[in-house]
Amino acid sequence: MKVNDWTDYLNQMSDMLDLELDEARRAELLVQFSRIAQMAGPLMAFPLDERLDVAGVYQA
């Protein structure tokens, strides 16, 4: 995801959760989102066998 996409996501989530974020906090969250996405990139790119079963859904 590009920074612009994270900006849109952050705007939508802060509106939905009724959060007031100052510019410093908003900027730091964008940095953290970008770092997390960068770390997740190799994991998301890892090819999986199509025959793998998906995990079951826990139901209480």
C-alpha atoms as a PDB file:
ATOM      1  CA  MET A   1       0.000   0.000   0.000  1.00  0.00           C
ATOM      2  CA  LYS A   2       1.225   3.486  -0.758  1.00  0.00           C
ATOM      3  CA  VAL A   3       1.386   6.265   1.830  1.00  0.00           C
ATOM      4  CA  ASN A   4      -1.597   7.891   0.157  1.00  0.00           C
ATOM      5  CA  ASP A   5      -3.627   4.732   0.708  1.00  0.00           C
ATOM      6  CA  TRP A   6      -2.635   4.716   4.377  1.00  0.00           C
ATOM      7  CA  THR A   7      -3.664   8.366   4.634  1.00  0.00           C
ATOM      8  CA  ASP A   8      -7.100   7.494   3.274  1.00  0.00           C
ATOM      9  CA  TYR A   9      -7.336   4.507   5.630  1.00  0.00           C
ATOM     10  CA  LEU A  10      -6.293   6.597   8.623  1.00  0.00           C
ATOM     11  CA  ASN A  11      -8.809   9.312   7.741  1.00  0.00           C
ATOM     12  CA  GLN A  12     -11.632   6.800   7.389  1.00  0.00           C
ATOM     13  CA  MET A  13     -10.785   4.943  10.606  1.00  0.00           C
ATOM     14  CA  SER A  14     -10.338   8.091  12.681  1.00  0.00           C
ATOM     15  CA  ASP A  15     -13.716   9.323  11.412  1.00  0.00           C
ATOM     16  CA  MET A  16     -15.386   5.979  12.060  1.00  0.00           C
ATOM     17  CA  LEU A  17     -13.915   5.709  15.571  1.00  0.00           C
ATOM     18  CA  ASP A  18     -14.466   9.410  16.262  1.00  0.00           C
ATOM     19  CA  LEU A  19     -10.769   9.959  17.061  1.00  0.00           C
ATOM     20  CA  GLU A  20      -9.191  13.371  17.049  1.00  0.00           C
ATOM     21  CA  LEU A  21      -5.569  13.049  15.925  1.00  0.00           C
ATOM     22  CA  ASP A  22      -3.152  15.941  15.863  1.00  0.00           C
ATOM     23  CA  GLU A  23      -0.742  16.197  12.936  1.00  0.00           C
ATOM     24  CA  ALA A  24       2.212  14.754  14.898  1.00  0.00           C
ATOM     25  CA  ARG A  25       0.276  11.650  15.907  1.00  0.00           C
ATOM     26  CA  ARG A  26      -1.202  11.254  12.421  1.00  0.00           C
ATOM     27  CA  ALA A  27       2.288  11.464  10.880  1.00  0.00           C
ATOM     28  CA  GLU A  28       3.669   8.883  13.325  1.00  0.00           C
ATOM     29  CA  LEU A  29       0.801   6.493  12.614  1.00  0.00           C
ATOM     30  CA  LEU A  30       1.483   6.772   8.888  1.00  0.00           C
ATOM     31  CA  VAL A  31       5.148   5.915   9.536  1.00  0.00           C
ATOM     32  CA  GLN A  32       4.160   2.888  11.625  1.00  0.00           C
ATOM     33  CA  PHE A  33       1.596   1.657   9.079  1.00  0.00           C
ATOM     34  CA  SER A  34       4.214   1.907   6.348  1.00  0.00           C
ATOM     35  CA  ARG A  35       6.746  -0.034   8.457  1.00  0.00           C
ATOM     36  CA  ILE A  36       4.241  -2.765   9.238  1.00  0.00           C
ATOM     37  CA  ALA A  37       3.293  -3.059   5.549  1.00  0.00           C
ATOM     38  CA  GLN A  38       6.966  -3.261   4.592  1.00  0.00           C
ATOM     39  CA  MET A  39       7.569  -6.078   7.101  1.00  0.00           C
ATOM     40  CA  ALA A  40       4.463  -7.943   5.930  1.00  0.00           C
ATOM     41  CA  GLY A  41       5.417  -7.684   2.244  1.00  0.00           C
ATOM     42  CA  PRO A  42       7.635 -10.796   2.070  1.00  0.00           C
ATOM     43  CA  LEU A  43       5.109 -12.843   4.037  1.00  0.00           C
ATOM     44  CA  MET A  44       2.242 -11.794   1.782  1.00  0.00           C
ATOM     45  CA  ALA A  45       4.346 -12.591  -1.304  1.00  0.00           C
ATOM     46  CA  PHE A  46       5.121 -16.132  -0.103  1.00  0.00           C
ATOM     47  CA  PRO A  47       3.463 -18.582  -2.500  1.00  0.00           C
ATOM     48  CA  LEU A  48       1.052 -21.043  -0.930  1.00  0.00           C
ATOM     49  CA  ASP A  49       0.007 -24.377  -2.329  1.00  0.00           C
ATOM     50  CA  GLU A  50      -3.523 -24.114  -3.699  1.00  0.00           C
ATOM     51  CA  ARG A  51      -4.372 -27.410  -2.034  1.00  0.00           C
ATOM     52  CA  LEU A  52      -3.785 -26.079   1.489  1.00  0.00           C
ATOM     53  CA  ASP A  53      -6.847 -26.095   3.679  1.00  0.00           C
ATOM     54  CA  VAL A  54      -7.839 -22.768   5.127  1.00  0.00           C
ATOM     55  CA  ALA A  55      -7.980 -22.443   8.881  1.00  0.00           C
ATOM     56  CA  GLY A  56     -11.314 -23.120  10.477  1.00  0.00           C
ATOM     57  CA  VAL A  57     -13.360 -20.328  11.971  1.00  0.00           C
ATOM     58  CA  TYR A  58     -13.626 -20.396  15.750  1.00  0.00           C
ATOM     59  CA  GLN A  59     -17.177 -20.287  16.995  1.00  0.00           C
ATOM     60  CA  ALA A  60     -18.001 -20.075  20.694  1.00  0.00           C
END
